PDB file of all heavy atoms in Angstrom:
ATOM      1  N   MET A   1     118.461 -19.594  36.414  1.00  0.00           N
ATOM      2  CA  MET A   1     118.775 -20.863  37.044  1.00  0.00           C
ATOM      3  C   MET A   1     119.029 -20.648  38.533  1.00  0.00           C
ATOM      4  O   MET A   1     119.475 -19.585  38.941  1.00  0.00           O
ATOM      5  CB  MET A   1     120.021 -21.490  36.391  1.00  0.00           C
ATOM      6  CG  MET A   1     119.764 -21.999  34.991  1.00  0.00           C
ATOM      7  SD  MET A   1     118.582 -23.346  35.038  1.00  0.00           S
ATOM      8  CE  MET A   1     118.352 -23.574  33.280  1.00  0.00           C
ATOM      9  N   PRO A   2     118.763 -21.643  39.356  1.00  0.00           N
ATOM     10  CA  PRO A   2     118.990 -21.514  40.787  1.00  0.00           C
ATOM     11  C   PRO A   2     120.467 -21.390  41.100  1.00  0.00           C
ATOM     12  O   PRO A   2     121.315 -21.708  40.290  1.00  0.00           O
ATOM     13  CB  PRO A   2     118.407 -22.821  41.350  1.00  0.00           C
ATOM     14  CG  PRO A   2     118.442 -23.765  40.222  1.00  0.00           C
ATOM     15  CD  PRO A   2     118.229 -22.958  38.987  1.00  0.00           C
ATOM     16  N   ALA A   3     120.739 -20.937  42.286  1.00  0.00           N
ATOM     17  CA  ALA A   3     122.128 -20.731  42.689  1.00  0.00           C
ATOM     18  C   ALA A   3     122.870 -22.054  42.788  1.00  0.00           C
ATOM     19  O   ALA A   3     122.299 -23.087  43.116  1.00  0.00           O
ATOM     20  CB  ALA A   3     122.168 -20.018  44.040  1.00  0.00           C
ATOM     21  N   LEU A   4     124.139 -22.014  42.496  1.00  0.00           N
ATOM     22  CA  LEU A   4     125.002 -23.186  42.595  1.00  0.00           C
ATOM     23  C   LEU A   4     125.190 -23.567  44.055  1.00  0.00           C
ATOM     24  O   LEU A   4     125.554 -22.744  44.878  1.00  0.00           O
ATOM     25  CB  LEU A   4     126.357 -22.872  41.953  1.00  0.00           C
ATOM     26  CG  LEU A   4     127.433 -23.932  42.024  1.00  0.00           C
ATOM     27  CD1 LEU A   4     126.992 -25.133  41.205  1.00  0.00           C
ATOM     28  CD2 LEU A   4     128.732 -23.383  41.465  1.00  0.00           C
ATOM     29  N   LEU A   5     124.947 -24.836  44.364  1.00  0.00           N
ATOM     30  CA  LEU A   5     125.157 -25.303  45.732  1.00  0.00           C
ATOM     31  C   LEU A   5     126.642 -25.452  46.020  1.00  0.00           C
ATOM     32  O   LEU A   5     127.154 -24.996  47.026  1.00  0.00           O
ATOM     33  CB  LEU A   5     124.458 -26.654  45.935  1.00  0.00           C
ATOM     34  CG  LEU A   5     122.929 -26.620  45.938  1.00  0.00           C
ATOM     35  CD1 LEU A   5     122.391 -28.022  46.099  1.00  0.00           C
ATOM     36  CD2 LEU A   5     122.422 -25.739  47.062  1.00  0.00           C
ATOM     37  N   ARG A   6     127.324 -26.135  45.147  1.00  0.00           N
ATOM     38  CA  ARG A   6     128.754 -26.338  45.280  1.00  0.00           C
ATOM     39  C   ARG A   6     129.236 -26.846  43.943  1.00  0.00           C
ATOM     40  O   ARG A   6     128.503 -27.506  43.231  1.00  0.00           O
ATOM     41  CB  ARG A   6     129.049 -27.358  46.379  1.00  0.00           C
ATOM     42  CG  ARG A   6     130.526 -27.511  46.744  1.00  0.00           C
ATOM     43  CD  ARG A   6     130.618 -28.279  48.051  1.00  0.00           C
ATOM     44  NE  ARG A   6     132.000 -28.521  48.427  1.00  0.00           N
ATOM     45  CZ  ARG A   6     132.569 -29.722  48.371  1.00  0.00           C
ATOM     46  NH1 ARG A   6     131.887 -30.750  47.921  1.00  0.00           N
ATOM     47  NH2 ARG A   6     133.815 -29.884  48.739  1.00  0.00           N
ATOM     48  N   SER A   7     130.438 -26.544  43.559  1.00  0.00           N
ATOM     49  CA  SER A   7     130.886 -26.952  42.241  1.00  0.00           C
ATOM     50  C   SER A   7     132.337 -27.348  42.275  1.00  0.00           C
ATOM     51  O   SER A   7     133.075 -27.015  43.186  1.00  0.00           O
ATOM     52  CB  SER A   7     130.710 -25.821  41.223  1.00  0.00           C
ATOM     53  OG  SER A   7     131.639 -24.787  41.481  1.00  0.00           O
ATOM     54  N   ALA A   8     132.731 -28.083  41.243  1.00  0.00           N
ATOM     55  CA  ALA A   8     134.145 -28.318  40.989  1.00  0.00           C
ATOM     56  C   ALA A   8     134.418 -27.757  39.613  1.00  0.00           C
ATOM     57  O   ALA A   8     133.802 -28.160  38.654  1.00  0.00           O
ATOM     58  CB  ALA A   8     134.485 -29.799  41.047  1.00  0.00           C
ATOM     59  N   ARG A   9     135.349 -26.819  39.524  1.00  0.00           N
ATOM     60  CA  ARG A   9     135.664 -26.202  38.242  1.00  0.00           C
ATOM     61  C   ARG A   9     137.090 -26.588  37.869  1.00  0.00           C
ATOM     62  O   ARG A   9     138.014 -26.387  38.643  1.00  0.00           O
ATOM     63  CB  ARG A   9     135.591 -24.674  38.334  1.00  0.00           C
ATOM     64  CG  ARG A   9     134.202 -24.115  38.386  1.00  0.00           C
ATOM     65  CD  ARG A   9     134.299 -22.595  38.391  1.00  0.00           C
ATOM     66  NE  ARG A   9     132.982 -21.999  38.304  1.00  0.00           N
ATOM     67  CZ  ARG A   9     132.355 -21.741  37.171  1.00  0.00           C
ATOM     68  NH1 ARG A   9     132.928 -22.059  36.038  1.00  0.00           N
ATOM     69  NH2 ARG A   9     131.163 -21.187  37.164  1.00  0.00           N
ATOM     70  N   PHE A  10     137.256 -27.103  36.687  1.00  0.00           N
ATOM     71  CA  PHE A  10     138.575 -27.434  36.200  1.00  0.00           C
ATOM     72  C   PHE A  10     138.977 -26.392  35.167  1.00  0.00           C
ATOM     73  O   PHE A  10     138.255 -26.153  34.218  1.00  0.00           O
ATOM     74  CB  PHE A  10     138.606 -28.825  35.569  1.00  0.00           C
ATOM     75  CG  PHE A  10     138.294 -29.903  36.557  1.00  0.00           C
ATOM     76  CD1 PHE A  10     137.008 -30.375  36.704  1.00  0.00           C
ATOM     77  CD2 PHE A  10     139.286 -30.418  37.368  1.00  0.00           C
ATOM     78  CE1 PHE A  10     136.715 -31.354  37.633  1.00  0.00           C
ATOM     79  CE2 PHE A  10     138.993 -31.396  38.299  1.00  0.00           C
ATOM     80  CZ  PHE A  10     137.715 -31.868  38.425  1.00  0.00           C
ATOM     81  N   GLY A  11     140.105 -25.794  35.357  1.00  0.00           N
ATOM     82  CA  GLY A  11     140.561 -24.762  34.448  1.00  0.00           C
ATOM     83  C   GLY A  11     141.241 -25.348  33.239  1.00  0.00           C
ATOM     84  O   GLY A  11     141.218 -26.558  33.011  1.00  0.00           O
ATOM     85  N   PRO A  12     141.893 -24.506  32.425  1.00  0.00           N
ATOM     86  CA  PRO A  12     142.507 -24.956  31.179  1.00  0.00           C
ATOM     87  C   PRO A  12     143.539 -26.042  31.426  1.00  0.00           C
ATOM     88  O   PRO A  12     144.295 -25.988  32.380  1.00  0.00           O
ATOM     89  CB  PRO A  12     143.167 -23.684  30.634  1.00  0.00           C
ATOM     90  CG  PRO A  12     142.442 -22.561  31.314  1.00  0.00           C
ATOM     91  CD  PRO A  12     142.051 -23.085  32.656  1.00  0.00           C
ATOM     92  N   THR A  13     143.564 -27.033  30.565  1.00  0.00           N
ATOM     93  CA  THR A  13     144.570 -28.085  30.636  1.00  0.00           C
ATOM     94  C   THR A  13     145.699 -27.739  29.681  1.00  0.00           C
ATOM     95  O   THR A  13     145.647 -26.780  28.925  1.00  0.00           O
ATOM     96  CB  THR A  13     143.971 -29.453  30.237  1.00  0.00           C
ATOM     97  OG1 THR A  13     143.702 -29.424  28.832  1.00  0.00           O
ATOM     98  CG2 THR A  13     142.707 -29.718  31.002  1.00  0.00           C
ATOM     99  N   THR A  14     146.731 -28.571  29.675  1.00  0.00           N
ATOM    100  CA  THR A  14     147.821 -28.370  28.737  1.00  0.00           C
ATOM    101  C   THR A  14     147.394 -28.767  27.334  1.00  0.00           C
ATOM    102  O   THR A  14     148.085 -28.492  26.382  1.00  0.00           O
ATOM    103  CB  THR A  14     149.036 -29.200  29.166  1.00  0.00           C
ATOM    104  OG1 THR A  14     148.637 -30.551  29.309  1.00  0.00           O
ATOM    105  CG2 THR A  14     149.586 -28.697  30.486  1.00  0.00           C
ATOM    106  N   LYS A  15     146.274 -29.461  27.208  1.00  0.00           N
ATOM    107  CA  LYS A  15     145.751 -29.819  25.902  1.00  0.00           C
ATOM    108  C   LYS A  15     144.901 -28.651  25.418  1.00  0.00           C
ATOM    109  O   LYS A  15     143.746 -28.507  25.805  1.00  0.00           O
ATOM    110  CB  LYS A  15     144.911 -31.099  25.989  1.00  0.00           C
ATOM    111  CG  LYS A  15     145.675 -32.277  26.565  1.00  0.00           C
ATOM    112  CD  LYS A  15     144.729 -33.423  26.811  1.00  0.00           C
ATOM    113  CE  LYS A  15     145.441 -34.571  27.496  1.00  0.00           C
ATOM    114  NZ  LYS A  15     144.551 -35.676  27.844  1.00  0.00           N
ATOM    115  N   GLU A  16     145.466 -27.798  24.595  1.00  0.00           N
ATOM    116  CA  GLU A  16     144.772 -26.598  24.184  1.00  0.00           C
ATOM    117  C   GLU A  16     143.574 -26.963  23.324  1.00  0.00           C
ATOM    118  O   GLU A  16     143.636 -27.823  22.461  1.00  0.00           O
ATOM    119  CB  GLU A  16     145.723 -25.686  23.397  1.00  0.00           C
ATOM    120  CG  GLU A  16     146.876 -25.154  24.237  1.00  0.00           C
ATOM    121  CD  GLU A  16     146.400 -24.224  25.334  1.00  0.00           C
ATOM    122  OE1 GLU A  16     145.318 -23.640  25.183  1.00  0.00           O
ATOM    123  OE2 GLU A  16     147.114 -24.082  26.326  1.00  0.00           O
ATOM    124  N   ALA A  17     142.468 -26.273  23.563  1.00  0.00           N
ATOM    125  CA  ALA A  17     141.270 -26.473  22.757  1.00  0.00           C
ATOM    126  C   ALA A  17     140.789 -25.109  22.302  1.00  0.00           C
ATOM    127  O   ALA A  17     140.461 -24.259  23.112  1.00  0.00           O
ATOM    128  CB  ALA A  17     140.194 -27.176  23.585  1.00  0.00           C
ATOM    129  N   ASP A  18     140.788 -24.880  20.963  1.00  0.00           N
ATOM    130  CA  ASP A  18     140.374 -23.588  20.437  1.00  0.00           C
ATOM    131  C   ASP A  18     138.906 -23.336  20.692  1.00  0.00           C
ATOM    132  O   ASP A  18     138.494 -22.214  20.969  1.00  0.00           O
ATOM    133  CB  ASP A  18     140.672 -23.522  18.932  1.00  0.00           C
ATOM    134  CG  ASP A  18     142.167 -23.559  18.644  1.00  0.00           C
ATOM    135  OD1 ASP A  18     142.935 -23.113  19.518  1.00  0.00           O
ATOM    136  OD2 ASP A  18     142.541 -24.043  17.569  1.00  0.00           O
ATOM    137  N   ASN A  19     138.116 -24.390  20.566  1.00  0.00           N
ATOM    138  CA  ASN A  19     136.675 -24.251  20.729  1.00  0.00           C
ATOM    139  C   ASN A  19     136.158 -25.333  21.669  1.00  0.00           C
ATOM    140  O   ASN A  19     135.623 -26.343  21.212  1.00  0.00           O
ATOM    141  CB  ASN A  19     135.973 -24.347  19.365  1.00  0.00           C
ATOM    142  CG  ASN A  19     136.374 -23.233  18.430  1.00  0.00           C
ATOM    143  OD1 ASN A  19     136.124 -22.067  18.720  1.00  0.00           O
ATOM    144  ND2 ASN A  19     137.005 -23.585  17.318  1.00  0.00           N
ATOM    145  N   PRO A  20     136.341 -25.167  22.962  1.00  0.00           N
ATOM    146  CA  PRO A  20     135.847 -26.187  23.895  1.00  0.00           C
ATOM    147  C   PRO A  20     134.338 -26.332  23.787  1.00  0.00           C
ATOM    148  O   PRO A  20     133.610 -25.354  23.611  1.00  0.00           O
ATOM    149  CB  PRO A  20     136.259 -25.644  25.263  1.00  0.00           C
ATOM    150  CG  PRO A  20     136.454 -24.178  25.057  1.00  0.00           C
ATOM    151  CD  PRO A  20     136.945 -24.020  23.661  1.00  0.00           C
ATOM    152  N   MET A  21     133.865 -27.574  23.861  1.00  0.00           N
ATOM    153  CA  MET A  21     132.439 -27.841  23.777  1.00  0.00           C
ATOM    154  C   MET A  21     131.830 -27.829  25.168  1.00  0.00           C
ATOM    155  O   MET A  21     132.266 -28.568  26.060  1.00  0.00           O
ATOM    156  CB  MET A  21     132.166 -29.201  23.124  1.00  0.00           C
ATOM    157  CG  MET A  21     130.681 -29.546  23.049  1.00  0.00           C
ATOM    158  SD  MET A  21     130.360 -31.214  22.425  1.00  0.00           S
ATOM    159  CE  MET A  21     130.823 -30.998  20.707  1.00  0.00           C
ATOM    160  N   ALA A  22     130.855 -26.975  25.369  1.00  0.00           N
ATOM    161  CA  ALA A  22     130.154 -26.885  26.648  1.00  0.00           C
ATOM    162  C   ALA A  22     128.726 -27.378  26.473  1.00  0.00           C
ATOM    163  O   ALA A  22     128.039 -26.990  25.526  1.00  0.00           O
ATOM    164  CB  ALA A  22     130.162 -25.447  27.149  1.00  0.00           C
ATOM    165  N   LEU A  23     128.296 -28.235  27.378  1.00  0.00           N
ATOM    166  CA  LEU A  23     126.953 -28.802  27.299  1.00  0.00           C
ATOM    167  C   LEU A  23     126.189 -28.551  28.603  1.00  0.00           C
ATOM    168  O   LEU A  23     126.771 -28.523  29.682  1.00  0.00           O
ATOM    169  CB  LEU A  23     127.011 -30.306  27.032  1.00  0.00           C
ATOM    170  CG  LEU A  23     127.650 -30.750  25.716  1.00  0.00           C
ATOM    171  CD1 LEU A  23     127.657 -32.271  25.621  1.00  0.00           C
ATOM    172  CD2 LEU A  23     126.939 -30.142  24.516  1.00  0.00           C
ATOM    173  N   GLU A  24     124.890 -28.410  28.466  1.00  0.00           N
ATOM    174  CA  GLU A  24     123.978 -28.264  29.595  1.00  0.00           C
ATOM    175  C   GLU A  24     123.134 -29.537  29.672  1.00  0.00           C
ATOM    176  O   GLU A  24     122.555 -29.956  28.679  1.00  0.00           O
ATOM    177  CB  GLU A  24     123.087 -27.043  29.373  1.00  0.00           C
ATOM    178  CG  GLU A  24     122.165 -26.717  30.525  1.00  0.00           C
ATOM    179  CD  GLU A  24     121.345 -25.470  30.257  1.00  0.00           C
ATOM    180  OE1 GLU A  24     120.551 -25.477  29.299  1.00  0.00           O
ATOM    181  OE2 GLU A  24     121.508 -24.486  30.997  1.00  0.00           O
ATOM    182  N   ILE A  25     123.090 -30.132  30.861  1.00  0.00           N
ATOM    183  CA  ILE A  25     122.458 -31.446  31.021  1.00  0.00           C
ATOM    184  C   ILE A  25     121.379 -31.376  32.100  1.00  0.00           C
ATOM    185  O   ILE A  25     121.619 -30.845  33.187  1.00  0.00           O
ATOM    186  CB  ILE A  25     123.504 -32.509  31.419  1.00  0.00           C
ATOM    187  CG1 ILE A  25     124.605 -32.619  30.357  1.00  0.00           C
ATOM    188  CG2 ILE A  25     122.853 -33.854  31.666  1.00  0.00           C
ATOM    189  CD1 ILE A  25     125.790 -33.460  30.790  1.00  0.00           C
TER     190      ILE A  25
END
């Protein structure tokens, strides 16, 4: 994949998720 131009990354929230769902769009 091409290089990321700029991103916003949100880290873990206080709402724990054992299996976070990650999607590619």
